[in-house]
C-alpha cells in the first residue's frame, strides 16, 4: 500500500502578506536603482563644449579633460557611468562634441565608438615653414615639431617630387575638414590628395606652356602675392617676371630680399639689404629662388597661370603707396617712376 505525500502550501492567510512583501522589495530595488543608477547615467550637460582626448590618454586624463571642458556637473558622475557602461579600457583619441542636454550615457556611447566631431583646418597668410607648422598644430593634435620634421625630410618629400625648399607648395590655403587626431603623416597624405586634385590637367598644361614646373609656379605666385595686394595687378606682375625669366634677367624682386634678410617689416630696401648672401636674393641670383617665400594661394597660382602677356620688364610701386604698381618697357620710363616713388618715401620720412 503506497502512502501519498501531501503537497504543502502556504496558508491562505500568508499569501497576501508575502505578495505585498515581494512587491515592496521590487519597488525598493527600483528606487535604489533610480537613486544610484539614473543620475550617473542621465545627468544632462548644460552647455555645448568639446572634449579633446590625446593618443595614449588614461581614463584619469579623460576625466580631468572633461572637468576642464565643461562647467556642468557631468564630470562628477561620469566615472560611475563609465564603470556601468564598461568604458575606460580602450580610450579613443579625438575631438568630441558635448552637446547641450547630452547625458552621460550618450557621451560615453560616443566616446566608446570613437565618433568624432570633424575640425575645419584652415591656414592663410603664411610666410615660413615654422609658421605653417605652428598654425596647423593649433588646430590638430599633430605637434608642430612632427610637422616641421616632414617639411624638412628630403627622403620622405622626394616620393612626392618635392624637397625641403618646395615642401610648402603642398599646402594650398583653404578650409579642409578632417579629424583632430590626424597625425603629421596623415596630414601630408591628405594635403597631397588635395594638391593632386588642385593641379588639374588644364592647370598643368598652362604651367607647361610658360614653361614652369608646378613648384616653380607656386614659387613665382608667392613672389607676386608678396609684391602686391592688388588682385588686378597680379597677372601683370606675373607677366613682367616671366618676361624677365625668359630674357634671363634677374627678377630683382624686393620681397625675396626681405625673405633672405628674414625681416618682413622692411618698408624700404636699402643697398645693404641687396648685399645679403642668400639663394633667395633675386638681386644677386638669376632665375627663381629655390622655393616659395610664402604659402601661395589658389588665386596667386592662377594669376601666374593666366599671366598678362605684355612687353614690360620694369616695375615700381606707385607713389600713391596704395599697393598699385607702375610698369615700364624701358629704363628711362622706369627711372621716372622710381624717382616719384623715392621722393614720396622721403616726404613721408620712410627711410627703412
Protein backbone atom coordinates (compact mmCIF):
# COMPACT_ATOMS: atom_id res chain seq x y z
CA UNK A 1 0.00 0.00 0.00
CA UNK A 2 1.53 3.34 -1.13
CA UNK A 3 1.49 6.38 1.01
CA UNK A 4 0.74 9.67 -0.83
CA UNK A 5 2.84 12.65 0.09
CA UNK A 6 0.84 15.62 1.00
CA UNK A 7 1.52 18.79 -1.02
CA UNK A 8 2.49 21.56 1.27
CA UNK A 9 1.35 25.09 0.60
CA UNK A 10 1.36 28.37 2.39
CA UNK A 11 -1.74 29.01 4.35
CA UNK A 12 -4.10 31.30 2.51
CA UNK A 13 -3.64 33.82 5.28
CA UNK A 14 0.13 34.09 4.40
CA UNK A 15 -0.20 34.57 0.66
CA UNK A 16 -1.37 38.14 0.76
CA UNK A 17 1.33 39.48 3.09
CA UNK A 18 4.02 37.63 1.09
CA UNK A 19 2.80 39.18 -2.12
CA UNK A 20 2.94 42.63 -0.57
CA UNK A 21 6.46 41.99 0.72
CA UNK A 22 7.69 40.94 -2.71
CA UNK A 23 6.10 43.98 -4.29
CA UNK A 24 7.72 46.22 -1.70
CA UNK A 25 11.09 44.55 -2.35
CA UNK A 26 10.84 45.18 -6.10
CA UNK A 27 9.83 48.80 -5.54
CA UNK A 28 12.74 49.26 -3.15
CA UNK A 29 15.18 47.83 -5.71
CA UNK A 30 13.72 50.04 -8.40
CA UNK A 31 14.03 53.07 -6.16
CA UNK A 32 17.65 52.28 -5.30
CA UNK A 33 18.43 51.74 -8.99
CA UNK A 34 16.83 55.08 -9.75
CA UNK A 35 18.71 56.88 -7.00
CA UNK A 36 22.09 55.28 -7.70
CA UNK A 37 21.95 54.49 -11.39
CA UNK A 38 19.75 57.15 -13.03
CA UNK A 39 21.71 60.27 -12.01
CA UNK A 40 25.09 58.99 -13.16
CA UNK A 41 23.71 57.83 -16.49
CA UNK A 42 21.23 60.53 -17.34
CA UNK A 43 22.56 63.68 -15.69
CA UNK A 44 22.31 66.19 -18.55
CA UNK A 45 25.07 68.54 -19.66
CA UNK A 46 24.13 72.21 -19.51
CA UNK A 47 26.33 73.68 -22.24
CA UNK A 48 27.98 72.96 -25.59
CA UNK A 49 31.69 72.20 -25.27
CA UNK A 50 34.38 69.95 -26.72
CA UNK A 51 36.36 67.14 -25.16
CA UNK A 52 39.87 66.59 -26.57
CA UNK A 53 41.47 63.20 -25.94
CA UNK A 54 45.10 62.68 -26.97
CA UNK A 55 46.74 59.42 -28.00
CA UNK A 56 47.67 57.13 -25.08
CA UNK A 57 45.43 59.05 -22.68
CA UNK A 58 44.41 57.26 -19.50
CA UNK A 59 40.87 57.23 -18.14
CA UNK A 60 42.03 59.68 -15.47
CA UNK A 61 43.20 62.01 -18.25
CA UNK A 62 39.77 61.83 -19.85
CA UNK A 63 38.03 62.68 -16.56
CA UNK A 64 40.39 65.60 -15.98
CA UNK A 65 39.85 66.90 -19.51
CA UNK A 66 36.10 66.61 -19.04
CA UNK A 67 36.29 68.67 -15.86
CA UNK A 68 38.25 71.34 -17.71
CA UNK A 69 35.97 71.25 -20.76
CA UNK A 70 32.58 71.82 -19.17
CA UNK A 71 31.15 73.76 -16.24
CA UNK A 72 28.33 71.28 -15.72
CA UNK A 73 28.23 68.61 -13.01
CA UNK A 74 28.65 65.86 -15.59
CA UNK A 75 32.22 65.09 -14.57
CA UNK A 76 31.22 64.13 -11.02
CA UNK A 77 29.05 61.24 -12.27
CA UNK A 78 31.00 60.41 -15.42
CA UNK A 79 33.22 57.83 -13.69
CA UNK A 80 30.21 55.95 -12.35
CA UNK A 81 28.52 55.90 -15.72
CA UNK A 82 31.75 54.74 -17.39
CA UNK A 83 32.07 51.86 -14.94
CA UNK A 84 28.48 50.76 -15.51
CA UNK A 85 28.88 51.01 -19.29
CA UNK A 86 32.36 49.45 -19.26
CA UNK A 87 34.20 52.42 -20.75
CA UNK A 88 37.80 53.03 -19.86
CA UNK A 89 39.75 50.00 -21.10
CA UNK A 90 40.06 51.35 -24.64
CA UNK A 91 40.36 55.14 -24.90
CA UNK A 92 39.92 56.51 -28.43
CA UNK A 93 41.72 59.76 -29.23
CA UNK A 94 39.84 62.59 -30.88
CA UNK A 95 37.71 65.68 -30.55
CA UNK A 96 34.20 65.02 -29.23
CA UNK A 97 31.33 67.47 -29.06
CA UNK A 98 29.40 67.61 -25.79
CA UNK A 99 26.04 68.98 -26.87
CA UNK A 100 23.59 70.92 -24.77
CA UNK A 101 21.41 68.45 -22.84
CA UNK A 102 23.65 65.44 -23.60
CA UNK A 103 23.71 62.95 -20.73
CA UNK A 104 26.49 60.65 -19.58
CA UNK A 105 25.00 57.64 -21.34
CA UNK A 106 25.09 59.46 -24.68
CA UNK A 107 28.57 60.86 -24.03
CA UNK A 108 30.11 57.52 -23.04
CA UNK A 109 28.49 55.83 -26.03
CA UNK A 110 30.11 58.39 -28.37
CA UNK A 111 33.50 58.04 -26.67
CA UNK A 112 33.35 54.24 -26.89
CA UNK A 113 32.50 54.35 -30.59
CA UNK A 114 35.17 56.95 -31.41
CA UNK A 115 32.59 59.05 -33.26
CA UNK A 116 34.48 62.32 -33.50
CA UNK A 117 33.42 65.81 -34.48
CA UNK A 118 35.48 66.90 -37.53
CA UNK A 119 37.52 70.10 -37.37
CA UNK A 120 37.79 72.67 -40.15
CA UNK A 121 41.51 73.13 -40.72
CA UNK A 122 42.41 76.48 -42.29
CA UNK A 123 45.62 78.44 -42.81
CA UNK A 124 46.42 81.59 -44.73
CA UNK A 125 48.93 84.43 -44.83
CA UNK A 126 51.81 82.05 -44.04
CA UNK A 127 55.41 83.00 -44.84
CA UNK A 128 57.62 80.32 -43.30
CA UNK A 129 57.55 76.58 -42.65
CA UNK A 130 57.78 77.24 -38.92
CA UNK A 131 54.75 79.50 -39.07
CA UNK A 132 52.83 76.92 -41.12
CA UNK A 133 53.64 74.09 -38.69
CA UNK A 134 52.62 76.23 -35.73
CA UNK A 135 49.32 77.32 -37.28
CA UNK A 136 48.32 73.74 -38.09
CA UNK A 137 49.39 72.46 -34.65
CA UNK A 138 46.98 74.96 -33.09
CA UNK A 139 44.11 73.16 -34.82
CA UNK A 140 45.15 69.48 -34.85
CA UNK A 141 46.63 67.00 -32.39
CA UNK A 142 49.81 66.76 -34.52
CA UNK A 143 52.52 68.86 -32.89
CA UNK A 144 54.50 71.49 -34.81
CA UNK A 145 57.79 69.58 -34.42
CA UNK A 146 56.47 66.47 -36.20
CA UNK A 147 55.01 68.62 -39.00
CA UNK A 148 58.23 70.59 -39.38
CA UNK A 149 60.27 67.37 -39.49
CA UNK A 150 58.32 66.17 -42.52
CA UNK A 151 58.57 69.60 -44.16
CA UNK A 152 62.35 69.14 -43.99
CA UNK A 153 62.55 65.37 -44.64
CA UNK A 154 64.25 65.04 -48.04
CA UNK A 155 63.71 61.28 -48.32
CA UNK A 156 60.02 61.50 -47.50
CA UNK A 157 59.42 64.51 -49.76
CA UNK A 158 61.24 63.03 -52.76
CA UNK A 159 58.50 60.40 -53.05
CA UNK A 160 56.03 63.19 -53.90
CA UNK A 161 58.50 65.14 -56.11
CA UNK A 162 59.21 67.83 -53.51
CA UNK A 163 62.17 68.87 -51.37
CA UNK A 164 62.68 70.94 -48.19
CA UNK A 165 62.69 74.16 -50.26
CA UNK A 166 59.42 73.39 -52.07
CA UNK A 167 57.59 71.37 -49.41
CA UNK A 168 55.19 74.19 -48.51
CA UNK A 169 53.79 74.16 -52.05
CA UNK A 170 51.89 71.06 -50.93
CA UNK A 171 49.77 73.28 -48.67
CA UNK A 172 47.29 75.35 -50.64
CA UNK A 173 45.28 77.65 -48.34
CA UNK A 174 41.67 76.54 -48.00
CA UNK A 175 39.36 75.06 -45.38
CA UNK A 176 39.78 71.31 -45.02
CA UNK A 177 37.54 69.09 -42.90
CA UNK A 178 39.43 66.37 -41.06
CA UNK A 179 39.65 64.72 -37.66
CA UNK A 180 41.50 66.42 -34.82
CA UNK A 181 43.66 63.36 -34.06
CA UNK A 182 45.22 63.44 -37.56
CA UNK A 183 48.98 62.94 -37.21
CA UNK A 184 51.69 64.56 -39.34
CA UNK A 185 51.92 61.77 -41.95
CA UNK A 186 48.15 61.56 -42.30
CA UNK A 187 48.10 65.33 -42.73
CA UNK A 188 50.66 65.18 -45.55
CA UNK A 189 48.77 62.33 -47.24
CA UNK A 190 45.58 64.41 -47.15
CA UNK A 191 47.36 67.53 -48.44
CA UNK A 192 48.90 65.51 -51.25
CA UNK A 193 45.42 64.35 -52.31
CA UNK A 194 44.17 67.95 -52.26
CA UNK A 195 47.29 69.08 -54.15
CA UNK A 196 46.73 66.44 -56.83
CA UNK A 197 43.08 67.45 -57.08
CA UNK A 198 44.00 71.14 -57.41
CA UNK A 199 46.52 70.58 -60.20
CA UNK A 200 44.05 69.67 -62.92
CA UNK A 201 45.22 68.76 -66.44
CA UNK A 202 44.24 72.29 -67.52
CA UNK A 203 46.40 73.95 -64.87
CA UNK A 204 49.31 71.61 -65.65
CA UNK A 205 49.05 72.42 -69.36
CA UNK A 206 49.21 76.16 -68.61
CA UNK A 207 52.29 75.63 -66.42
CA UNK A 208 53.98 73.63 -69.19
CA UNK A 209 53.28 76.39 -71.71
CA UNK A 210 55.15 79.06 -69.69
CA UNK A 211 57.22 76.77 -69.13
CA UNK A 212 57.44 76.26 -65.35
CA UNK A 213 57.20 73.26 -63.06
CA UNK A 214 54.34 73.14 -60.57
CA UNK A 215 56.69 74.09 -57.73
CA UNK A 216 58.08 76.98 -59.80
CA UNK A 217 54.56 78.28 -60.45
CA UNK A 218 53.89 78.31 -56.70
CA UNK A 219 57.26 79.99 -56.09
CA UNK A 220 56.53 82.75 -58.60
CA UNK A 221 52.98 83.09 -57.23
CA UNK A 222 54.41 83.61 -53.74
CA UNK A 223 56.58 86.49 -55.03
CA UNK A 224 53.68 88.05 -56.92
CA UNK A 225 51.44 87.91 -53.84
CA UNK A 226 54.11 89.48 -51.66
CA UNK A 227 54.69 92.14 -54.31
CA UNK A 228 51.10 93.37 -54.49
CA UNK A 229 47.79 93.08 -52.65
CA UNK A 230 46.02 94.40 -55.71
CA UNK A 231 44.44 91.37 -57.38
CA UNK A 232 44.05 93.06 -60.77
CA UNK A 233 47.79 93.81 -60.84
CA UNK A 234 48.86 90.23 -60.14
CA UNK A 235 48.62 88.90 -63.73
CA UNK A 236 50.57 92.00 -64.86
CA UNK A 237 53.28 91.44 -62.24
CA UNK A 238 53.43 87.74 -63.11
CA UNK A 239 53.81 88.60 -66.81
CA UNK A 240 56.66 91.00 -66.04
CA UNK A 241 58.58 88.39 -64.05
CA UNK A 242 58.00 85.78 -66.75
CA UNK A 243 59.41 88.28 -69.30
CA UNK A 244 62.50 88.64 -67.11
CA UNK A 245 62.89 84.88 -66.73
CA UNK A 246 62.71 84.38 -70.47
CA UNK A 247 65.24 87.18 -71.01
CA UNK A 248 67.49 85.61 -68.33
CA UNK A 249 67.40 88.84 -66.33
CA UNK A 250 67.49 88.85 -62.51
CA UNK A 251 63.97 89.16 -61.11
CA UNK A 252 65.13 91.85 -58.67
CA UNK A 253 62.03 91.28 -56.54
CA UNK A 254 62.16 93.21 -53.27
CA UNK A 255 60.04 90.64 -51.35
CA UNK A 256 62.71 87.98 -51.93
CA UNK A 257 65.27 90.26 -50.28
CA UNK A 258 63.01 90.66 -47.23
CA UNK A 259 62.75 86.87 -47.06
CA UNK A 260 66.53 86.49 -47.41
CA UNK A 261 67.13 89.03 -44.65
CA UNK A 262 64.39 87.47 -42.52
CA UNK A 263 62.71 90.81 -41.78
CA UNK A 264 59.23 91.23 -43.25
CA UNK A 265 58.72 94.65 -41.66
CA UNK A 266 61.16 96.38 -44.04
CA UNK A 267 59.40 99.12 -45.97
CA UNK A 268 62.36 100.37 -47.95
CA UNK A 269 65.01 98.14 -49.49
CA UNK A 270 68.48 99.59 -48.99
CA UNK A 271 71.81 98.75 -50.66
CA UNK A 272 72.87 96.90 -47.52
CA UNK A 273 69.91 94.56 -47.88
CA UNK A 274 70.80 93.88 -51.53
CA UNK A 275 74.24 92.56 -50.48
CA UNK A 276 72.67 89.73 -48.45
CA UNK A 277 74.13 86.38 -49.46
CA UNK A 278 71.18 84.02 -49.96
CA UNK A 279 69.76 81.84 -52.76
CA UNK A 280 66.54 83.80 -52.19
CA UNK A 281 68.12 87.16 -53.04
CA UNK A 282 66.95 87.70 -56.63
CA UNK A 283 69.18 90.77 -57.00
CA UNK A 284 72.26 88.55 -56.70
CA UNK A 285 70.89 85.43 -58.41
CA UNK A 286 69.15 84.98 -61.74
CA UNK A 287 66.09 82.81 -62.10
CA UNK A 288 63.60 81.87 -59.40
CA UNK A 289 64.63 81.26 -55.80
CA UNK A 290 64.75 77.58 -54.72
CA UNK A 291 61.25 77.71 -53.21
CA UNK A 292 58.32 79.94 -52.27
CA UNK A 293 58.72 82.92 -49.95
CA UNK A 294 55.20 82.34 -48.62
CA UNK A 295 52.41 79.77 -48.98
CA UNK A 296 50.89 80.71 -52.33
CA UNK A 297 47.11 80.88 -52.57
CA UNK A 298 44.91 79.44 -55.30
CA UNK A 299 44.28 82.98 -56.60
CA UNK A 300 48.00 83.71 -56.73
CA UNK A 301 48.77 80.49 -58.57
CA UNK A 302 46.01 81.17 -61.10
CA UNK A 303 47.33 84.71 -61.60
CA UNK A 304 50.64 83.19 -62.74
CA UNK A 305 48.99 80.54 -64.90
CA UNK A 306 46.85 83.23 -66.53
CA UNK A 307 49.54 85.92 -66.65
CA UNK A 308 49.15 89.03 -68.78
CA UNK A 309 51.19 88.99 -71.99
CA UNK A 310 52.95 92.34 -72.46
CA UNK A 311 56.45 93.73 -73.03
CA UNK A 312 57.05 95.26 -69.58
CA UNK A 313 60.31 94.34 -67.83
CA UNK A 314 60.42 97.08 -65.18
CA UNK A 315 58.09 97.74 -62.31
CA UNK A 316 57.95 100.21 -59.46
CA UNK A 317 55.48 100.77 -56.65
CA UNK A 318 53.20 103.73 -57.29
CA UNK A 319 53.95 106.92 -55.40
CA UNK A 320 50.39 106.73 -54.06
CA UNK A 321 51.60 103.84 -51.84
CA UNK A 322 48.22 102.16 -52.24
CA UNK A 323 49.64 98.81 -53.33
CA UNK A 324 49.47 99.54 -57.05
CA UNK A 325 52.45 99.47 -59.43
CA UNK A 326 53.65 101.34 -62.48
CA UNK A 327 55.07 99.28 -65.32
CA UNK A 328 57.63 100.24 -67.94
CA UNK A 329 59.19 98.68 -71.02
CA UNK A 330 62.37 100.79 -70.95
CA UNK A 331 64.81 102.08 -68.35
CA UNK A 332 64.07 105.79 -68.83
CA UNK A 333 60.38 105.43 -68.08
CA UNK A 334 61.15 103.20 -65.12
CA UNK A 335 63.63 105.75 -63.75
CA UNK A 336 60.97 108.45 -63.81
CA UNK A 337 58.53 106.17 -61.97
CA UNK A 338 61.17 105.18 -59.42
CA UNK A 339 62.09 108.82 -58.75
CA UNK A 340 58.48 109.70 -57.92
CA UNK A 341 58.29 106.73 -55.57
CA UNK A 342 61.55 107.58 -53.79
CA UNK A 343 60.50 111.21 -53.39
CA UNK A 344 57.23 110.15 -51.78
CA UNK A 345 59.06 107.85 -49.34
CA UNK A 346 61.36 110.72 -48.38
CA UNK A 347 58.39 113.04 -47.98
CA UNK A 348 56.75 110.58 -45.60
CA UNK A 349 60.07 110.01 -43.81
CA UNK A 350 60.13 106.31 -44.61
CA UNK A 351 63.83 105.53 -44.59
CA UNK A 352 63.87 101.81 -43.74
